[in-house]
Amino acid sequence: MAQKSNAQFSIREYRPSDRLVVTSLFRDGILEHVYPAFFKALSHPDHVGVALSISVAGYVLGGSSYFQALLFGGAWAGLLYYCCHEICEGYMARRLSTDMADVQLHYLDNPDNGFWVAEADVGGQTKVVGMAAVTGKRAEEEGARFDDRNGGVAGGGAEPDQDAGGDGSHGEVSHVVVAFPHRRSAVGSQLMQKCLDFCKEQGHARLVLEVSSPQTAAIALCQKVGFVQTASHGNTHANRWFSKLGRVNVLRMEKFI
C-alpha cells in the first residue's frame, strides 16, 4: 500500500523538457498492472480448474511425478502471465508510438486537448510526480469508437445521450498516472479536477475515460470524484485470446459536468 506523502505539489501544463520523465512515468504506470492482472486471472475459478486439471494430467503422464505436475501447472501459470504482460506491453507500445511520441503536437498544439503534470518538492528538488491528459472528441468520433468495440456492452441499457452535450462533444481523459510514493496525497484527485475544469472551459458536458479491470485504485479514484461505469468491452488492442485468457476487460466511465 502506498504511504501518504506530505510533499507540496502543484499542477502545470506539460513542457517539452518533461518528455523523458513523463515517458518513464507512463511506462512504470502501465507495466505495474501486469502482476495484479496476472494474480486476478490466476485466481479466477475457471483458471483454477484448468490449472488443477493440467497438474493432474502431468502427474499421471509423468508416472506419478509431482515434479511433472508442478511443471505442467507452472506452464499454465506462465501462459497467463505472458497474456497479461502482452496486453500491458502492447497498449504501452501503441501509445508511445502515437500520441505520447509527440505530446506537444498531439496535445498542446491542439486547443481541444490538454496535458498536465503534477510537481512536488522531493528532497529539495522539484520533480514531476504525476500526469494527466484530455482529448476533445466530437459526436461522430464517439459513435465510430463504440461501434468498433470487440464485444462492447453498454451499461444501464443504453449509450450515453449525445444530446446532453449539445453537439455531443465530450472530453476523454487518459494517461492519469501518479508516482507510487505520492499516491494517497490528493495528487490524482487534483489532476482529475484539472481535467474537469478544462472540459468546462471547452464547453463539454461530460468527461469520459477507459480503465482496465485490474486497475482497482484508478477505478476507486474515478468513483470517488463522481464517475460511473456506463459500458465495458474486451478490446484491449492485444490479441483477443490474450484478453480472454487474461480476463481483462476495459471499463468505460463517465461523469457529467
Protein backbone atom coordinates (compact mmCIF):
# COMPACT_ATOMS: atom_id res chain seq x y z
CA MET A 1 0.00 0.00 0.00
CA ALA A 2 1.27 3.47 -0.91
CA GLN A 3 2.09 5.64 2.08
CA LYS A 4 0.66 9.11 2.29
CA SER A 5 3.10 11.82 1.20
CA ASN A 6 3.25 15.23 2.88
CA ALA A 7 5.09 16.86 -0.04
CA GLN A 8 3.55 20.02 -1.50
CA PHE A 9 2.60 19.77 -5.15
CA SER A 10 1.29 21.91 -7.99
CA ILE A 11 -0.33 21.24 -11.37
CA ARG A 12 1.03 22.88 -14.52
CA GLU A 13 0.97 22.39 -18.27
CA TYR A 14 3.40 19.96 -19.87
CA ARG A 15 6.72 21.31 -21.16
CA PRO A 16 9.00 19.71 -23.79
CA SER A 17 11.67 19.33 -21.09
CA ASP A 18 9.32 16.91 -19.27
CA ARG A 19 9.43 14.34 -22.09
CA LEU A 20 11.86 11.83 -20.56
CA VAL A 21 10.37 11.82 -17.06
CA VAL A 22 6.81 11.70 -18.40
CA THR A 23 7.68 8.77 -20.67
CA SER A 24 9.30 6.92 -17.75
CA LEU A 25 6.30 7.65 -15.51
CA PHE A 26 3.94 6.39 -18.20
CA ARG A 27 5.92 3.15 -18.70
CA ASP A 28 6.03 2.42 -14.98
CA GLY A 29 2.34 3.27 -14.60
CA ILE A 30 1.32 0.77 -17.28
CA LEU A 31 3.67 -2.11 -16.50
CA GLU A 32 2.84 -2.08 -12.78
CA HIS A 33 -0.54 -3.58 -13.70
CA VAL A 34 0.96 -6.78 -15.11
CA TYR A 35 1.18 -8.58 -11.76
CA PRO A 36 -2.27 -7.52 -10.46
CA ALA A 37 -3.79 -8.65 -13.76
CA PHE A 38 -1.87 -11.94 -13.57
CA PHE A 39 -2.91 -12.76 -10.00
CA LYS A 40 -6.51 -11.83 -10.76
CA ALA A 41 -6.52 -14.12 -13.81
CA LEU A 42 -4.77 -16.93 -11.94
CA SER A 43 -7.36 -16.86 -9.14
CA HIS A 44 -10.35 -16.99 -11.49
CA PRO A 45 -12.37 -20.17 -10.78
CA ASP A 46 -12.18 -21.34 -14.41
CA HIS A 47 -8.41 -20.94 -14.47
CA VAL A 48 -8.00 -22.65 -11.10
CA GLY A 49 -9.91 -25.63 -12.50
CA VAL A 50 -7.73 -25.69 -15.63
CA ALA A 51 -4.56 -25.49 -13.52
CA LEU A 52 -5.67 -28.42 -11.35
CA SER A 53 -6.63 -30.50 -14.40
CA ILE A 54 -3.32 -29.80 -16.13
CA SER A 55 -1.38 -30.61 -12.96
CA VAL A 56 -3.24 -33.92 -12.56
CA ALA A 57 -2.54 -34.73 -16.21
CA GLY A 58 1.14 -34.02 -15.64
CA TYR A 59 1.14 -36.21 -12.56
CA VAL A 60 -0.43 -39.12 -14.44
CA LEU A 61 1.63 -38.75 -17.62
CA GLY A 62 4.79 -38.44 -15.60
CA GLY A 63 4.18 -41.74 -13.82
CA SER A 64 3.02 -40.25 -10.51
CA SER A 65 5.61 -37.50 -10.76
CA TYR A 66 5.00 -34.50 -8.55
CA PHE A 67 7.66 -32.62 -10.49
CA GLN A 68 5.76 -33.20 -13.74
CA ALA A 69 2.57 -32.00 -12.07
CA LEU A 70 4.27 -28.78 -10.93
CA LEU A 71 5.85 -28.36 -14.36
CA PHE A 72 2.51 -28.60 -16.17
CA GLY A 73 0.80 -26.28 -13.67
CA GLY A 74 3.68 -23.82 -13.92
CA ALA A 75 3.42 -23.80 -17.71
CA TRP A 76 -0.26 -22.80 -17.44
CA ALA A 77 0.60 -20.01 -14.98
CA GLY A 78 3.37 -18.87 -17.31
CA LEU A 79 0.92 -18.64 -20.20
CA LEU A 80 -1.44 -16.47 -18.15
CA TYR A 81 1.42 -14.17 -17.14
CA TYR A 82 2.53 -13.87 -20.77
CA CYS A 83 -1.00 -12.87 -21.83
CA CYS A 84 -1.25 -10.19 -19.12
CA HIS A 85 2.20 -8.86 -19.95
CA GLU A 86 1.42 -8.67 -23.66
CA ILE A 87 -1.80 -6.76 -23.00
CA CYS A 88 0.04 -4.09 -20.98
CA GLU A 89 3.11 -4.06 -23.19
CA GLY A 90 1.01 -3.77 -26.35
CA TYR A 91 -1.02 -0.86 -25.01
CA MET A 92 2.13 0.93 -23.86
CA ALA A 93 3.90 0.46 -27.20
CA ARG A 94 0.85 1.68 -29.12
CA ARG A 95 0.52 4.88 -27.12
CA LEU A 96 4.26 5.58 -27.13
CA SER A 97 4.24 5.38 -30.93
CA THR A 98 1.17 7.63 -31.34
CA ASP A 99 0.11 10.49 -29.06
CA MET A 100 2.90 10.04 -26.49
CA ALA A 101 5.52 10.20 -29.26
CA ASP A 102 4.93 13.95 -29.56
CA VAL A 103 2.94 15.43 -26.70
CA GLN A 104 3.45 18.95 -27.99
CA LEU A 105 1.91 18.13 -31.37
CA HIS A 106 -0.96 15.91 -30.19
CA TYR A 107 -1.99 17.89 -27.12
CA LEU A 108 -0.56 21.38 -26.66
CA ASP A 109 -0.78 22.46 -30.31
CA ASN A 110 -4.45 21.43 -30.38
CA PRO A 111 -6.73 23.80 -28.45
CA ASP A 112 -9.24 20.97 -27.88
CA ASN A 113 -6.65 18.90 -25.99
CA GLY A 114 -4.59 19.35 -22.83
CA PHE A 115 -1.72 17.68 -20.99
CA TRP A 116 -0.66 18.48 -17.42
CA VAL A 117 1.92 17.30 -14.92
CA ALA A 118 2.00 17.41 -11.13
CA GLU A 119 5.17 18.66 -9.49
CA ALA A 120 6.30 18.06 -5.92
CA ASP A 121 9.25 19.10 -3.78
CA VAL A 122 11.25 15.90 -3.28
CA GLY A 123 14.42 16.23 -1.22
CA GLY A 124 14.72 19.91 -2.02
CA GLN A 125 14.23 19.34 -5.76
CA THR A 126 11.11 19.88 -7.85
CA LYS A 127 10.15 16.67 -9.62
CA VAL A 128 7.29 15.54 -11.84
CA VAL A 129 5.24 13.01 -9.87
CA GLY A 130 2.02 12.76 -11.87
CA MET A 131 0.40 13.39 -15.23
CA ALA A 132 -2.97 13.50 -16.99
CA ALA A 133 -4.27 14.33 -20.46
CA VAL A 134 -7.58 15.25 -22.11
CA THR A 135 -8.57 14.83 -25.75
CA GLY A 136 -11.61 16.61 -27.15
CA LYS A 137 -13.99 14.27 -29.02
CA ARG A 138 -16.85 15.00 -31.42
CA ALA A 139 -20.12 13.08 -31.56
CA GLU A 140 -19.25 11.24 -34.79
CA GLU A 141 -15.97 10.01 -33.30
CA GLU A 142 -17.89 8.69 -30.29
CA GLY A 143 -20.24 6.64 -32.46
CA ALA A 144 -17.41 5.17 -34.50
CA ARG A 145 -15.48 4.16 -31.38
CA PHE A 146 -18.48 2.43 -29.81
CA ASP A 147 -19.37 0.52 -32.99
CA ASP A 148 -15.79 -0.73 -33.27
CA ARG A 149 -15.69 -2.36 -29.83
CA ASN A 150 -14.95 -6.06 -29.54
CA GLY A 151 -17.99 -7.25 -27.62
CA GLY A 152 -18.85 -3.82 -26.22
CA VAL A 153 -21.75 -3.80 -23.77
CA ALA A 154 -23.37 -0.56 -22.71
CA GLY A 155 -24.18 -0.21 -19.03
CA GLY A 156 -27.62 0.99 -17.98
CA GLY A 157 -29.19 -0.36 -21.18
CA ALA A 158 -28.21 2.48 -23.49
CA GLU A 159 -25.38 4.53 -24.91
CA PRO A 160 -24.71 7.94 -23.38
CA ASP A 161 -27.08 10.65 -24.56
CA GLN A 162 -25.20 12.70 -27.14
CA ASP A 163 -27.74 15.49 -26.88
CA ALA A 164 -26.65 16.10 -23.30
CA GLY A 165 -23.60 17.97 -24.56
CA GLY A 166 -25.39 19.96 -27.27
CA ASP A 167 -23.32 18.80 -30.25
CA GLY A 168 -22.41 15.58 -28.49
CA SER A 169 -18.78 16.58 -27.92
CA HIS A 170 -17.00 15.49 -24.75
CA GLY A 171 -13.56 15.23 -23.18
CA GLU A 172 -11.72 11.95 -22.95
CA VAL A 173 -9.16 11.69 -20.17
CA SER A 174 -6.11 9.43 -20.43
CA HIS A 175 -2.62 8.86 -19.02
CA VAL A 176 -3.60 9.56 -15.41
CA VAL A 177 -0.50 8.33 -13.58
CA VAL A 178 0.86 9.21 -10.13
CA ALA A 179 4.28 8.06 -8.92
CA PHE A 180 3.93 5.41 -6.21
CA PRO A 181 5.37 7.41 -3.25
CA HIS A 182 2.91 10.25 -3.90
CA ARG A 183 -0.31 8.29 -4.03
CA ARG A 184 -2.99 8.90 -1.41
CA SER A 185 -1.88 12.53 -1.23
CA ALA A 186 -4.63 14.06 -3.43
CA VAL A 187 -2.37 14.31 -6.50
CA GLY A 188 -4.65 12.06 -8.53
CA SER A 189 -7.77 13.91 -7.41
CA GLN A 190 -6.26 17.28 -8.32
CA LEU A 191 -5.22 16.03 -11.74
CA MET A 192 -8.75 14.78 -12.36
CA GLN A 193 -10.12 18.14 -11.22
CA LYS A 194 -7.83 19.87 -13.69
CA CYS A 195 -9.27 17.70 -16.46
CA LEU A 196 -12.81 18.55 -15.35
CA ASP A 197 -12.06 22.28 -15.24
CA PHE A 198 -10.56 22.13 -18.74
CA CYS A 199 -13.65 20.38 -20.09
CA LYS A 200 -15.89 23.01 -18.52
CA GLU A 201 -13.88 25.72 -20.26
CA GLN A 202 -14.23 23.84 -23.55
CA GLY A 203 -17.99 23.62 -23.13
CA HIS A 204 -18.14 19.82 -22.76
CA ALA A 205 -20.99 18.39 -20.72
CA ARG A 206 -19.19 15.21 -19.72
CA LEU A 207 -15.79 13.64 -19.21
CA VAL A 208 -15.10 10.07 -20.33
CA LEU A 209 -12.29 7.66 -19.55
CA GLU A 210 -11.49 3.99 -20.01
CA VAL A 211 -9.74 1.90 -17.38
CA SER A 212 -8.83 -1.78 -17.34
CA SER A 213 -10.42 -4.07 -14.77
CA PRO A 214 -7.15 -4.79 -12.85
CA GLN A 215 -6.71 -1.07 -12.13
CA THR A 216 -8.68 -1.14 -8.89
CA ALA A 217 -7.05 2.00 -7.45
CA ALA A 218 -7.87 4.01 -10.59
CA ILE A 219 -11.46 2.75 -10.56
CA ALA A 220 -11.80 3.76 -6.89
CA LEU A 221 -10.42 7.23 -7.67
CA CYS A 222 -12.89 7.69 -10.52
CA GLN A 223 -15.81 6.66 -8.35
CA LYS A 224 -14.61 8.99 -5.61
CA VAL A 225 -14.80 12.03 -7.91
CA GLY A 226 -18.21 11.04 -9.31
CA PHE A 227 -17.59 8.83 -12.34
CA VAL A 228 -19.98 5.96 -13.05
CA GLN A 229 -19.46 2.94 -15.29
CA THR A 230 -21.54 3.15 -18.49
CA ALA A 231 -20.08 0.35 -20.62
CA SER A 232 -17.50 -2.43 -20.79
CA HIS A 233 -15.72 -4.23 -23.61
CA GLY A 234 -12.91 -6.69 -24.22
CA ASN A 235 -10.95 -4.72 -26.81
CA THR A 236 -7.53 -4.29 -25.20
CA HIS A 237 -5.92 -3.90 -28.65
CA ALA A 238 -4.00 -7.09 -27.95
CA ASN A 239 -4.75 -10.49 -29.46
CA ARG A 240 -8.32 -11.31 -28.42
CA TRP A 241 -7.23 -14.66 -26.96
CA PHE A 242 -4.77 -12.83 -24.72
CA SER A 243 -7.64 -10.71 -23.42
CA LYS A 244 -9.83 -13.77 -22.88
CA LEU A 245 -7.15 -15.74 -21.05
CA GLY A 246 -6.01 -12.69 -19.08
CA ARG A 247 -9.64 -11.98 -18.09
CA VAL A 248 -9.03 -8.27 -18.72
CA ASN A 249 -11.98 -6.04 -19.52
CA VAL A 250 -11.99 -2.32 -20.25
CA LEU A 251 -14.49 -0.27 -18.27
CA ARG A 252 -15.87 2.94 -19.71
CA MET A 253 -16.62 5.53 -17.03
CA GLU A 254 -18.29 8.92 -17.38
CA LYS A 255 -19.00 11.99 -15.32
CA PHE A 256 -21.44 14.73 -16.28
CA ILE A 257 -20.00 18.13 -15.51
